[in-house]
N, C-alpha and C. Protein backbone atom coordinates (compact mmCIF):
# COMPACT_ATOMS: atom_id res chain seq x y z
N MET A 1 132.34 85.99 111.60
CA MET A 1 131.57 86.34 110.40
C MET A 1 130.38 85.38 110.26
N ALA A 2 129.24 85.94 109.94
CA ALA A 2 128.06 85.11 109.80
C ALA A 2 128.16 84.25 108.56
N SER A 3 127.64 83.05 108.65
CA SER A 3 127.66 82.13 107.52
C SER A 3 126.72 82.64 106.43
N THR A 4 126.94 82.11 105.21
CA THR A 4 126.11 82.53 104.08
C THR A 4 124.64 82.17 104.33
N ALA A 5 124.40 81.04 104.99
CA ALA A 5 123.03 80.59 105.25
C ALA A 5 122.32 81.48 106.26
N ALA A 6 123.12 82.09 107.17
CA ALA A 6 122.52 82.91 108.22
C ALA A 6 122.18 84.31 107.75
N ARG A 7 122.81 84.73 106.65
CA ARG A 7 122.60 86.11 106.20
C ARG A 7 121.15 86.43 105.85
N PRO A 8 120.43 85.54 105.14
CA PRO A 8 119.02 85.84 104.85
C PRO A 8 118.19 86.04 106.12
N LEU A 9 118.50 85.25 107.17
CA LEU A 9 117.77 85.40 108.43
C LEU A 9 118.05 86.74 109.08
N LEU A 10 119.32 87.17 109.00
CA LEU A 10 119.67 88.47 109.56
C LEU A 10 118.99 89.59 108.80
N LEU A 11 118.94 89.46 107.48
CA LEU A 11 118.27 90.47 106.66
C LEU A 11 116.79 90.53 106.96
N LEU A 12 116.17 89.36 107.15
CA LEU A 12 114.76 89.30 107.47
C LEU A 12 114.47 89.94 108.82
N ALA A 13 115.30 89.63 109.81
CA ALA A 13 115.13 90.20 111.15
C ALA A 13 115.28 91.72 111.10
N SER A 14 116.27 92.18 110.34
CA SER A 14 116.48 93.63 110.20
C SER A 14 115.29 94.30 109.55
N ALA A 15 114.72 93.62 108.54
CA ALA A 15 113.56 94.18 107.85
C ALA A 15 112.36 94.29 108.78
N VAL A 16 112.16 93.28 109.63
CA VAL A 16 111.04 93.29 110.59
C VAL A 16 111.20 94.43 111.58
N VAL A 17 112.43 94.58 112.10
CA VAL A 17 112.70 95.65 113.07
C VAL A 17 112.47 97.01 112.43
N LEU A 18 112.97 97.17 111.19
CA LEU A 18 112.81 98.44 110.49
C LEU A 18 111.34 98.75 110.22
N ALA A 19 110.59 97.75 109.81
CA ALA A 19 109.16 97.94 109.54
C ALA A 19 108.42 98.35 110.81
N SER A 20 108.78 97.72 111.92
CA SER A 20 108.15 98.05 113.20
C SER A 20 108.46 99.48 113.60
N PHE A 21 109.75 99.88 113.38
CA PHE A 21 110.16 101.23 113.71
C PHE A 21 109.42 102.26 112.87
N LEU A 22 109.32 101.97 111.57
CA LEU A 22 108.64 102.90 110.68
C LEU A 22 107.16 103.03 111.01
N ALA A 23 106.54 101.91 111.40
CA ALA A 23 105.11 101.95 111.76
C ALA A 23 104.91 102.79 113.00
N THR A 24 105.82 102.62 113.99
CA THR A 24 105.72 103.42 115.22
C THR A 24 105.92 104.89 114.92
N ALA A 25 106.93 105.18 114.08
CA ALA A 25 107.21 106.57 113.72
C ALA A 25 106.04 107.20 112.98
N ALA A 26 105.38 106.41 112.14
CA ALA A 26 104.23 106.92 111.38
C ALA A 26 103.10 107.31 112.32
N HIS A 27 102.87 106.46 113.35
CA HIS A 27 101.83 106.79 114.32
C HIS A 27 102.21 108.04 115.10
N ALA A 28 103.50 108.14 115.47
CA ALA A 28 103.95 109.26 116.30
C ALA A 28 103.84 110.59 115.56
N SER A 29 103.92 110.56 114.23
CA SER A 29 103.87 111.80 113.46
C SER A 29 102.57 111.92 112.69
N GLY A 30 101.52 111.22 113.13
CA GLY A 30 100.24 111.27 112.45
C GLY A 30 99.63 112.66 112.46
N LEU A 31 98.82 112.93 111.48
CA LEU A 31 98.18 114.24 111.35
C LEU A 31 96.71 114.15 111.76
N PHE A 32 96.27 115.11 112.56
CA PHE A 32 94.88 115.14 112.96
C PHE A 32 93.97 115.33 111.75
N SER A 33 94.45 116.10 110.79
CA SER A 33 93.64 116.39 109.60
C SER A 33 93.33 115.15 108.78
N THR A 34 94.10 114.08 108.94
CA THR A 34 93.85 112.85 108.20
C THR A 34 93.09 111.81 109.02
N LEU A 35 92.80 112.13 110.26
CA LEU A 35 92.13 111.19 111.16
C LEU A 35 90.62 111.19 110.89
N PRO A 36 90.01 110.05 110.64
CA PRO A 36 88.57 110.02 110.36
C PRO A 36 87.74 110.29 111.61
N LYS A 37 86.69 111.08 111.45
CA LYS A 37 85.78 111.35 112.55
C LYS A 37 84.70 110.27 112.54
N THR A 38 84.90 109.25 113.36
CA THR A 38 84.04 108.07 113.33
C THR A 38 83.18 107.92 114.58
N LEU A 39 83.47 108.69 115.62
CA LEU A 39 82.76 108.54 116.89
C LEU A 39 81.79 109.69 117.12
N VAL A 40 80.66 109.37 117.70
CA VAL A 40 79.68 110.38 118.13
C VAL A 40 79.86 110.56 119.63
N VAL A 41 80.12 111.80 120.04
CA VAL A 41 80.44 112.09 121.44
C VAL A 41 79.49 113.17 121.97
N THR A 42 78.99 112.95 123.17
CA THR A 42 78.16 113.96 123.84
C THR A 42 78.64 114.15 125.27
N ALA A 43 78.41 115.34 125.80
CA ALA A 43 78.76 115.64 127.19
C ALA A 43 77.57 116.33 127.85
N SER A 44 77.42 116.14 129.15
CA SER A 44 76.22 116.61 129.85
C SER A 44 76.10 118.13 130.00
N PRO A 45 77.18 118.90 130.09
CA PRO A 45 76.99 120.35 130.24
C PRO A 45 76.26 120.95 129.04
N THR A 46 75.35 121.85 129.31
CA THR A 46 74.67 122.56 128.23
C THR A 46 75.58 123.67 127.71
N PRO A 47 75.37 124.15 126.48
CA PRO A 47 76.22 125.21 125.94
C PRO A 47 76.29 126.42 126.86
N GLY A 48 77.51 126.80 127.20
CA GLY A 48 77.71 127.96 128.06
C GLY A 48 77.64 127.67 129.55
N GLN A 49 77.28 126.46 129.92
CA GLN A 49 77.17 126.13 131.35
C GLN A 49 78.52 126.23 132.04
N VAL A 50 78.51 126.67 133.30
CA VAL A 50 79.73 126.78 134.10
C VAL A 50 79.79 125.61 135.07
N VAL A 51 80.89 124.85 135.03
CA VAL A 51 81.10 123.75 135.97
C VAL A 51 82.33 124.09 136.81
N LYS A 52 82.30 123.72 138.08
CA LYS A 52 83.36 124.08 139.01
C LYS A 52 84.36 122.95 139.21
N GLY A 53 85.63 123.30 139.11
CA GLY A 53 86.69 122.33 139.32
C GLY A 53 86.68 121.76 140.73
N GLY A 54 86.84 120.45 140.83
CA GLY A 54 86.87 119.80 142.13
C GLY A 54 85.51 119.57 142.75
N GLU A 55 84.44 120.03 142.09
CA GLU A 55 83.10 119.90 142.67
C GLU A 55 82.11 119.23 141.71
N ASP A 56 81.96 119.81 140.54
CA ASP A 56 80.92 119.34 139.61
C ASP A 56 81.39 118.14 138.79
N LYS A 57 80.40 117.33 138.39
CA LYS A 57 80.66 116.16 137.55
C LYS A 57 80.03 116.36 136.18
N ILE A 58 80.67 115.80 135.17
CA ILE A 58 80.07 115.80 133.84
C ILE A 58 80.04 114.36 133.33
N LYS A 59 79.04 114.06 132.53
CA LYS A 59 78.91 112.73 131.96
C LYS A 59 79.21 112.80 130.47
N ILE A 60 80.08 111.92 130.01
CA ILE A 60 80.45 111.85 128.60
C ILE A 60 80.05 110.49 128.05
N THR A 61 79.43 110.48 126.89
CA THR A 61 79.07 109.23 126.22
C THR A 61 79.67 109.23 124.82
N TRP A 62 79.99 108.04 124.31
CA TRP A 62 80.56 107.93 122.98
C TRP A 62 80.21 106.58 122.36
N GLY A 63 80.29 106.54 121.05
CA GLY A 63 80.01 105.30 120.32
C GLY A 63 80.26 105.52 118.84
N LEU A 64 80.37 104.43 118.10
CA LEU A 64 80.61 104.51 116.66
C LEU A 64 79.41 105.13 115.95
N ASN A 65 79.68 105.99 115.01
CA ASN A 65 78.63 106.59 114.19
C ASN A 65 77.90 105.47 113.44
N LYS A 66 76.61 105.36 113.67
CA LYS A 66 75.82 104.26 113.11
C LYS A 66 75.69 104.32 111.59
N SER A 67 76.01 105.46 111.01
CA SER A 67 75.91 105.57 109.55
C SER A 67 77.13 104.98 108.84
N LEU A 68 78.16 104.61 109.60
CA LEU A 68 79.37 104.05 109.00
C LEU A 68 79.22 102.55 108.77
N PRO A 69 79.99 101.98 107.83
CA PRO A 69 79.87 100.54 107.53
C PRO A 69 80.27 99.68 108.72
N ALA A 70 79.69 98.52 108.79
CA ALA A 70 80.05 97.55 109.84
C ALA A 70 81.53 97.19 109.69
N GLY A 71 82.21 97.08 110.81
CA GLY A 71 83.62 96.73 110.78
C GLY A 71 84.54 97.93 110.81
N THR A 72 83.98 99.13 110.77
CA THR A 72 84.81 100.34 110.82
C THR A 72 85.69 100.37 112.06
N ASP A 73 85.16 99.85 113.15
CA ASP A 73 85.89 99.90 114.42
C ASP A 73 86.61 98.58 114.76
N ASP A 74 86.85 97.75 113.76
CA ASP A 74 87.49 96.46 114.03
C ASP A 74 88.88 96.61 114.64
N LYS A 75 89.59 97.68 114.29
CA LYS A 75 90.95 97.89 114.79
C LYS A 75 90.99 98.67 116.10
N TYR A 76 89.82 99.11 116.57
CA TYR A 76 89.80 99.91 117.79
C TYR A 76 90.06 99.03 119.01
N LYS A 77 91.09 99.37 119.76
CA LYS A 77 91.44 98.58 120.94
C LYS A 77 91.27 99.36 122.24
N THR A 78 91.61 100.62 122.21
CA THR A 78 91.48 101.45 123.42
C THR A 78 90.86 102.81 123.07
N ILE A 79 90.36 103.44 124.11
CA ILE A 79 89.73 104.76 123.98
C ILE A 79 90.38 105.70 125.00
N LYS A 80 90.63 106.93 124.57
CA LYS A 80 91.11 107.96 125.50
C LYS A 80 90.21 109.18 125.37
N VAL A 81 89.63 109.58 126.50
CA VAL A 81 88.72 110.72 126.55
C VAL A 81 89.47 111.90 127.15
N LYS A 82 89.39 113.05 126.48
CA LYS A 82 90.18 114.21 126.92
C LYS A 82 89.35 115.49 126.97
N LEU A 83 89.72 116.35 127.91
CA LEU A 83 89.15 117.70 128.02
C LEU A 83 90.03 118.63 127.21
N CYS A 84 89.42 119.41 126.31
CA CYS A 84 90.19 120.19 125.34
C CYS A 84 89.83 121.67 125.39
N TYR A 85 90.83 122.51 125.16
CA TYR A 85 90.62 123.96 125.11
C TYR A 85 89.89 124.37 123.84
N ALA A 86 88.93 125.26 123.99
CA ALA A 86 88.30 125.88 122.83
C ALA A 86 89.20 127.02 122.35
N PRO A 87 89.06 127.46 121.09
CA PRO A 87 89.94 128.51 120.55
C PRO A 87 90.00 129.77 121.41
N VAL A 88 88.88 130.16 122.02
CA VAL A 88 88.86 131.38 122.82
C VAL A 88 89.80 131.28 124.02
N SER A 89 90.05 130.06 124.50
CA SER A 89 90.96 129.88 125.64
C SER A 89 92.37 129.50 125.20
N GLN A 90 92.60 129.50 123.88
CA GLN A 90 93.94 129.25 123.34
C GLN A 90 94.61 130.52 122.84
N LYS A 91 93.83 131.56 122.66
CA LYS A 91 94.34 132.80 122.09
C LYS A 91 95.47 133.38 122.95
N ASP A 92 96.58 133.71 122.31
CA ASP A 92 97.76 134.29 122.97
C ASP A 92 98.36 133.35 124.02
N ARG A 93 98.10 132.06 123.90
CA ARG A 93 98.67 131.06 124.82
C ARG A 93 99.30 129.94 123.97
N PRO A 94 100.54 130.13 123.54
CA PRO A 94 101.18 129.14 122.67
C PRO A 94 101.32 127.76 123.30
N TRP A 95 101.31 127.69 124.64
CA TRP A 95 101.41 126.39 125.31
C TRP A 95 100.11 125.58 125.20
N ARG A 96 99.07 126.19 124.61
CA ARG A 96 97.81 125.48 124.37
C ARG A 96 97.52 125.38 122.87
N LYS A 97 98.50 125.64 122.06
CA LYS A 97 98.32 125.77 120.61
C LYS A 97 97.87 124.47 119.93
N THR A 98 96.98 124.60 118.99
CA THR A 98 96.55 123.46 118.17
C THR A 98 97.56 123.25 117.05
N VAL A 99 98.08 122.01 116.96
CA VAL A 99 99.05 121.64 115.93
C VAL A 99 98.53 120.39 115.24
N ASP A 100 98.66 120.34 113.92
CA ASP A 100 98.12 119.21 113.17
C ASP A 100 98.82 117.90 113.51
N HIS A 101 100.10 117.95 113.81
CA HIS A 101 100.82 116.74 114.24
C HIS A 101 100.31 116.34 115.63
N LEU A 102 99.77 115.17 115.73
CA LEU A 102 99.13 114.74 116.97
C LEU A 102 100.08 114.69 118.16
N ASN A 103 101.35 114.38 117.90
CA ASN A 103 102.29 114.29 119.01
C ASN A 103 102.78 115.66 119.48
N LYS A 104 102.38 116.72 118.78
CA LYS A 104 102.77 118.08 119.17
C LYS A 104 101.57 118.93 119.57
N ASP A 105 100.40 118.43 119.33
CA ASP A 105 99.17 119.19 119.61
C ASP A 105 98.98 119.42 121.10
N LYS A 106 98.62 120.65 121.48
CA LYS A 106 98.43 121.01 122.89
C LYS A 106 96.98 121.34 123.21
N THR A 107 96.07 120.98 122.30
CA THR A 107 94.66 121.32 122.50
C THR A 107 94.05 120.57 123.68
N CYS A 108 94.32 119.29 123.78
CA CYS A 108 93.67 118.43 124.78
C CYS A 108 94.69 117.96 125.82
N GLN A 109 94.79 118.68 126.92
CA GLN A 109 95.84 118.41 127.90
C GLN A 109 95.36 117.66 129.14
N PHE A 110 94.06 117.43 129.25
CA PHE A 110 93.54 116.80 130.47
C PHE A 110 92.88 115.46 130.13
N LYS A 111 93.48 114.39 130.63
CA LYS A 111 92.92 113.06 130.39
C LYS A 111 91.75 112.81 131.35
N ILE A 112 90.62 112.46 130.78
CA ILE A 112 89.45 112.13 131.59
C ILE A 112 89.45 110.65 131.94
N VAL A 113 89.65 109.80 130.92
CA VAL A 113 89.70 108.36 131.17
C VAL A 113 90.35 107.67 129.98
N ALA A 114 90.99 106.54 130.24
CA ALA A 114 91.51 105.67 129.18
C ALA A 114 91.07 104.25 129.53
N ARG A 115 90.49 103.55 128.55
CA ARG A 115 89.97 102.20 128.81
C ARG A 115 89.85 101.41 127.51
N PRO A 116 89.69 100.11 127.60
CA PRO A 116 89.49 99.31 126.39
C PRO A 116 88.24 99.75 125.64
N TYR A 117 88.31 99.69 124.32
CA TYR A 117 87.16 100.06 123.50
C TYR A 117 86.05 99.02 123.65
N ALA A 118 84.84 99.50 123.90
CA ALA A 118 83.72 98.59 124.11
C ALA A 118 82.47 99.06 123.36
N GLY A 119 82.68 99.72 122.22
CA GLY A 119 81.53 100.22 121.48
C GLY A 119 80.91 101.40 122.20
N ASN A 120 79.59 101.38 122.37
CA ASN A 120 78.93 102.46 123.10
C ASN A 120 79.34 102.42 124.57
N ASP A 121 79.73 103.56 125.10
CA ASP A 121 80.24 103.58 126.47
C ASP A 121 80.04 104.98 127.05
N SER A 122 80.29 105.13 128.33
CA SER A 122 80.15 106.42 128.99
C SER A 122 80.99 106.46 130.25
N VAL A 123 81.19 107.68 130.75
CA VAL A 123 81.92 107.86 132.00
C VAL A 123 81.40 109.11 132.69
N GLU A 124 81.37 109.08 134.01
CA GLU A 124 81.03 110.26 134.80
C GLU A 124 82.31 110.74 135.47
N TRP A 125 82.67 111.98 135.25
CA TRP A 125 83.99 112.50 135.66
C TRP A 125 83.83 113.77 136.47
N THR A 126 84.53 113.81 137.61
CA THR A 126 84.58 115.03 138.41
C THR A 126 85.66 115.94 137.83
N VAL A 127 85.29 117.16 137.49
CA VAL A 127 86.24 118.10 136.88
C VAL A 127 87.42 118.30 137.84
N GLU A 128 88.63 118.17 137.31
CA GLU A 128 89.81 118.24 138.14
C GLU A 128 90.02 119.63 138.73
N LYS A 129 90.59 119.65 139.94
CA LYS A 129 90.83 120.91 140.64
C LYS A 129 91.82 121.79 139.90
N ASP A 130 92.77 121.17 139.18
CA ASP A 130 93.82 121.96 138.53
C ASP A 130 93.47 122.35 137.10
N ALA A 131 92.24 122.10 136.67
CA ALA A 131 91.82 122.54 135.33
C ALA A 131 91.66 124.07 135.35
N PRO A 132 92.40 124.80 134.53
CA PRO A 132 92.32 126.26 134.55
C PRO A 132 90.94 126.77 134.13
N THR A 133 90.58 127.92 134.62
CA THR A 133 89.34 128.56 134.18
C THR A 133 89.42 128.78 132.67
N GLY A 134 88.37 128.40 131.96
CA GLY A 134 88.39 128.56 130.52
C GLY A 134 87.19 127.93 129.86
N THR A 135 87.22 127.91 128.53
CA THR A 135 86.15 127.35 127.72
C THR A 135 86.65 126.05 127.09
N TYR A 136 85.82 125.00 127.16
CA TYR A 136 86.28 123.66 126.79
C TYR A 136 85.26 122.90 125.95
N PHE A 137 85.74 121.78 125.38
CA PHE A 137 84.91 120.75 124.78
C PHE A 137 85.56 119.41 125.10
N VAL A 138 84.92 118.32 124.72
CA VAL A 138 85.46 116.98 124.99
C VAL A 138 85.75 116.27 123.68
N ARG A 139 86.91 115.60 123.62
CA ARG A 139 87.28 114.83 122.44
C ARG A 139 87.62 113.40 122.87
N VAL A 140 87.25 112.43 122.04
CA VAL A 140 87.54 111.02 122.30
C VAL A 140 88.36 110.47 121.14
N TYR A 141 89.50 109.86 121.45
CA TYR A 141 90.35 109.22 120.45
C TYR A 141 90.22 107.71 120.54
N ALA A 142 90.22 107.04 119.39
CA ALA A 142 90.29 105.58 119.33
C ALA A 142 91.70 105.18 118.90
N PHE A 143 92.26 104.18 119.57
CA PHE A 143 93.62 103.72 119.28
C PHE A 143 93.62 102.26 118.84
N ASP A 144 94.60 101.91 118.01
CA ASP A 144 94.73 100.52 117.58
C ASP A 144 95.66 99.75 118.51
N ALA A 145 96.05 98.54 118.11
CA ALA A 145 96.84 97.66 118.97
C ALA A 145 98.24 98.18 119.25
N VAL A 146 98.77 99.09 118.40
CA VAL A 146 100.10 99.64 118.64
C VAL A 146 100.02 101.09 119.11
N ASP A 147 98.87 101.44 119.69
CA ASP A 147 98.65 102.75 120.32
C ASP A 147 98.75 103.90 119.32
N GLY A 148 98.24 103.69 118.14
CA GLY A 148 98.17 104.75 117.14
C GLY A 148 96.73 105.21 116.98
N GLU A 149 96.52 106.52 116.84
CA GLU A 149 95.18 107.05 116.67
C GLU A 149 94.59 106.60 115.32
N VAL A 150 93.38 106.06 115.38
CA VAL A 150 92.73 105.58 114.15
C VAL A 150 91.33 106.16 113.97
N GLY A 151 90.88 106.95 114.89
CA GLY A 151 89.56 107.57 114.79
C GLY A 151 89.34 108.51 115.96
N TYR A 152 88.34 109.38 115.83
CA TYR A 152 88.04 110.30 116.92
C TYR A 152 86.60 110.79 116.81
N GLY A 153 86.20 111.50 117.84
CA GLY A 153 84.92 112.19 117.85
C GLY A 153 85.01 113.29 118.90
N GLU A 154 84.18 114.31 118.80
CA GLU A 154 84.21 115.40 119.78
C GLU A 154 82.83 116.02 119.92
N THR A 155 82.67 116.79 120.99
CA THR A 155 81.35 117.34 121.30
C THR A 155 81.06 118.65 120.57
N THR A 156 82.00 119.14 119.80
CA THR A 156 81.82 120.41 119.10
C THR A 156 81.91 120.21 117.59
N ASP A 157 81.77 121.30 116.84
CA ASP A 157 81.86 121.22 115.38
C ASP A 157 83.30 121.40 114.92
N ALA A 158 83.50 121.39 113.61
CA ALA A 158 84.86 121.46 113.06
C ALA A 158 85.57 122.76 113.43
N LYS A 159 84.82 123.85 113.58
CA LYS A 159 85.42 125.13 113.95
C LYS A 159 85.53 125.31 115.47
N LYS A 160 85.03 124.34 116.20
CA LYS A 160 85.08 124.35 117.68
C LYS A 160 84.41 125.60 118.26
N THR A 161 83.17 125.82 117.80
CA THR A 161 82.42 126.99 118.28
C THR A 161 81.08 126.61 118.92
N THR A 162 80.66 125.35 118.80
CA THR A 162 79.36 124.96 119.34
C THR A 162 79.52 124.00 120.52
N ASN A 163 78.48 123.95 121.35
CA ASN A 163 78.43 123.03 122.50
C ASN A 163 79.65 123.16 123.41
N LEU A 164 80.10 124.37 123.62
CA LEU A 164 81.22 124.63 124.51
C LEU A 164 80.71 124.92 125.92
N PHE A 165 81.51 124.59 126.92
CA PHE A 165 81.12 124.88 128.30
C PHE A 165 82.30 125.49 129.05
N GLN A 166 81.98 126.10 130.18
CA GLN A 166 82.99 126.81 130.96
C GLN A 166 83.42 125.99 132.18
N VAL A 167 84.69 126.08 132.50
CA VAL A 167 85.21 125.51 133.74
C VAL A 167 85.67 126.65 134.64
N GLU A 168 85.20 126.64 135.85
CA GLU A 168 85.63 127.64 136.84
C GLU A 168 86.60 126.96 137.79
N ALA A 169 87.85 127.41 137.76
CA ALA A 169 88.89 126.78 138.58
C ALA A 169 88.63 127.01 140.06
N ILE A 170 89.04 126.05 140.87
CA ILE A 170 88.91 126.19 142.31
C ILE A 170 89.85 127.30 142.76
N SER A 171 89.37 128.14 143.67
CA SER A 171 90.14 129.31 144.09
C SER A 171 91.25 128.98 145.07
N GLY A 172 91.14 127.84 145.73
CA GLY A 172 92.14 127.48 146.74
C GLY A 172 91.78 128.00 148.11
N ARG A 173 90.70 128.77 148.21
CA ARG A 173 90.24 129.31 149.49
C ARG A 173 88.79 128.93 149.69
N HIS A 174 88.34 128.99 150.92
CA HIS A 174 86.96 128.65 151.25
C HIS A 174 86.42 129.73 152.16
N ALA A 175 85.14 130.06 152.03
CA ALA A 175 84.54 131.13 152.83
C ALA A 175 84.71 130.87 154.32
N THR A 176 84.58 129.63 154.74
CA THR A 176 84.72 129.29 156.16
C THR A 176 86.12 129.61 156.66
N LEU A 177 87.12 129.30 155.82
CA LEU A 177 88.50 129.60 156.20
C LEU A 177 88.72 131.09 156.33
N ASP A 178 88.11 131.85 155.42
CA ASP A 178 88.23 133.32 155.50
C ASP A 178 87.64 133.85 156.80
N ILE A 179 86.47 133.32 157.18
CA ILE A 179 85.82 133.77 158.41
C ILE A 179 86.67 133.44 159.64
N VAL A 180 87.21 132.22 159.66
CA VAL A 180 88.06 131.80 160.77
C VAL A 180 89.30 132.69 160.85
N SER A 181 89.87 133.01 159.67
CA SER A 181 91.06 133.86 159.64
C SER A 181 90.76 135.25 160.20
N ILE A 182 89.60 135.80 159.84
CA ILE A 182 89.21 137.12 160.34
C ILE A 182 89.02 137.08 161.85
N CYS A 183 88.37 136.02 162.34
CA CYS A 183 88.14 135.88 163.79
C CYS A 183 89.45 135.82 164.56
N PHE A 184 90.41 135.06 164.04
CA PHE A 184 91.71 134.98 164.70
C PHE A 184 92.42 136.32 164.69
N SER A 185 92.29 137.06 163.60
CA SER A 185 92.93 138.37 163.51
C SER A 185 92.34 139.33 164.54
N VAL A 186 91.00 139.34 164.64
CA VAL A 186 90.33 140.19 165.63
C VAL A 186 90.74 139.80 167.04
N PHE A 187 90.77 138.48 167.30
CA PHE A 187 91.16 137.98 168.62
C PHE A 187 92.59 138.40 168.97
N SER A 188 93.48 138.36 167.97
CA SER A 188 94.87 138.75 168.20
C SER A 188 94.98 140.22 168.57
N VAL A 189 94.22 141.06 167.84
CA VAL A 189 94.26 142.49 168.12
C VAL A 189 93.72 142.79 169.52
N VAL A 190 92.58 142.15 169.87
CA VAL A 190 91.98 142.35 171.19
C VAL A 190 92.94 141.88 172.28
N SER A 191 93.57 140.74 172.07
CA SER A 191 94.52 140.20 173.04
C SER A 191 95.70 141.14 173.24
N LEU A 192 96.16 141.74 172.13
CA LEU A 192 97.30 142.66 172.21
C LEU A 192 96.94 143.90 173.03
N PHE A 193 95.76 144.45 172.76
CA PHE A 193 95.31 145.62 173.54
C PHE A 193 95.14 145.25 175.02
N GLY A 194 94.60 144.06 175.24
CA GLY A 194 94.42 143.60 176.63
C GLY A 194 95.75 143.47 177.35
N PHE A 195 96.77 142.97 176.65
CA PHE A 195 98.10 142.80 177.23
C PHE A 195 98.68 144.16 177.65
N PHE A 196 98.61 145.13 176.71
CA PHE A 196 99.15 146.45 177.02
C PHE A 196 98.36 147.13 178.15
N TYR A 197 97.05 146.90 178.16
CA TYR A 197 96.21 147.50 179.21
C TYR A 197 96.61 146.95 180.58
N ASN A 198 96.79 145.64 180.66
CA ASN A 198 97.18 145.01 181.93
C ASN A 198 98.57 145.46 182.36
N GLU A 199 99.49 145.58 181.41
CA GLU A 199 100.83 146.03 181.73
C GLU A 199 100.82 147.47 182.27
N LYS A 200 99.95 148.29 181.68
CA LYS A 200 99.84 149.68 182.12
C LYS A 200 99.28 149.76 183.52
N ARG A 201 98.28 148.89 183.81
CA ARG A 201 97.70 148.86 185.16
C ARG A 201 98.73 148.42 186.19
N LYS A 202 99.51 147.40 185.81
CA LYS A 202 100.54 146.93 186.73
C LYS A 202 101.56 148.01 187.02
N GLY A 203 101.89 148.77 185.96
CA GLY A 203 102.87 149.83 186.13
C GLY A 203 102.39 150.91 187.07
N LYS A 204 101.10 151.26 186.93
CA LYS A 204 100.52 152.28 187.82
C LYS A 204 100.46 151.78 189.25
N ALA A 205 100.10 150.49 189.41
CA ALA A 205 99.98 149.92 190.75
C ALA A 205 101.35 149.91 191.44
N GLU A 206 102.40 149.60 190.73
CA GLU A 206 103.74 149.53 191.32
C GLU A 206 104.30 150.89 191.65
N SER A 207 103.83 151.93 190.94
CA SER A 207 104.34 153.29 191.19
C SER A 207 103.71 153.95 192.40
N LYS A 208 102.59 153.37 192.88
CA LYS A 208 101.92 153.96 194.06
C LYS A 208 102.62 153.55 195.34
């Protein structure tokens, strides 16, 4: 049994653990609707532009909105940049559904980069080969020291209808491979006919 003197210490330790747990749980169940839009984000594709997966690069820049008070980003420790589905590419696809709870939201499934927050920053990213064909925008989240979202910015408006761009997924085939495949097929057919022709000649020669 713990001594009477030790009980306050145990209670204090329990309170610290509980507070830490509650803080983590609060971050895990945070709502996007309560997250302040503090970052200005731009991306290089023009509205409606088509970029190809595995080939084209896009440049994303971000920084704190200069109209906000100094110190707004004091708690910002890390940044995560994500490629996000526009509503037109979410329709009838529940696995891409937008949910207000950040830990359940499926809007932004492709991580572009994660790095320490450094104020104004940018990255050049090659569109991933496995990004499905669709309409997208870019969103940047700011995180605090315990990895909780504390701010964001995105390249589109609140309704996610402006500054959208298209991604064309890689087909998995290449024109050169198709040509080589056709050539091999033709060669196989010609070889087969040649084989039967030679066999027929041999048969006639042996019958004489």
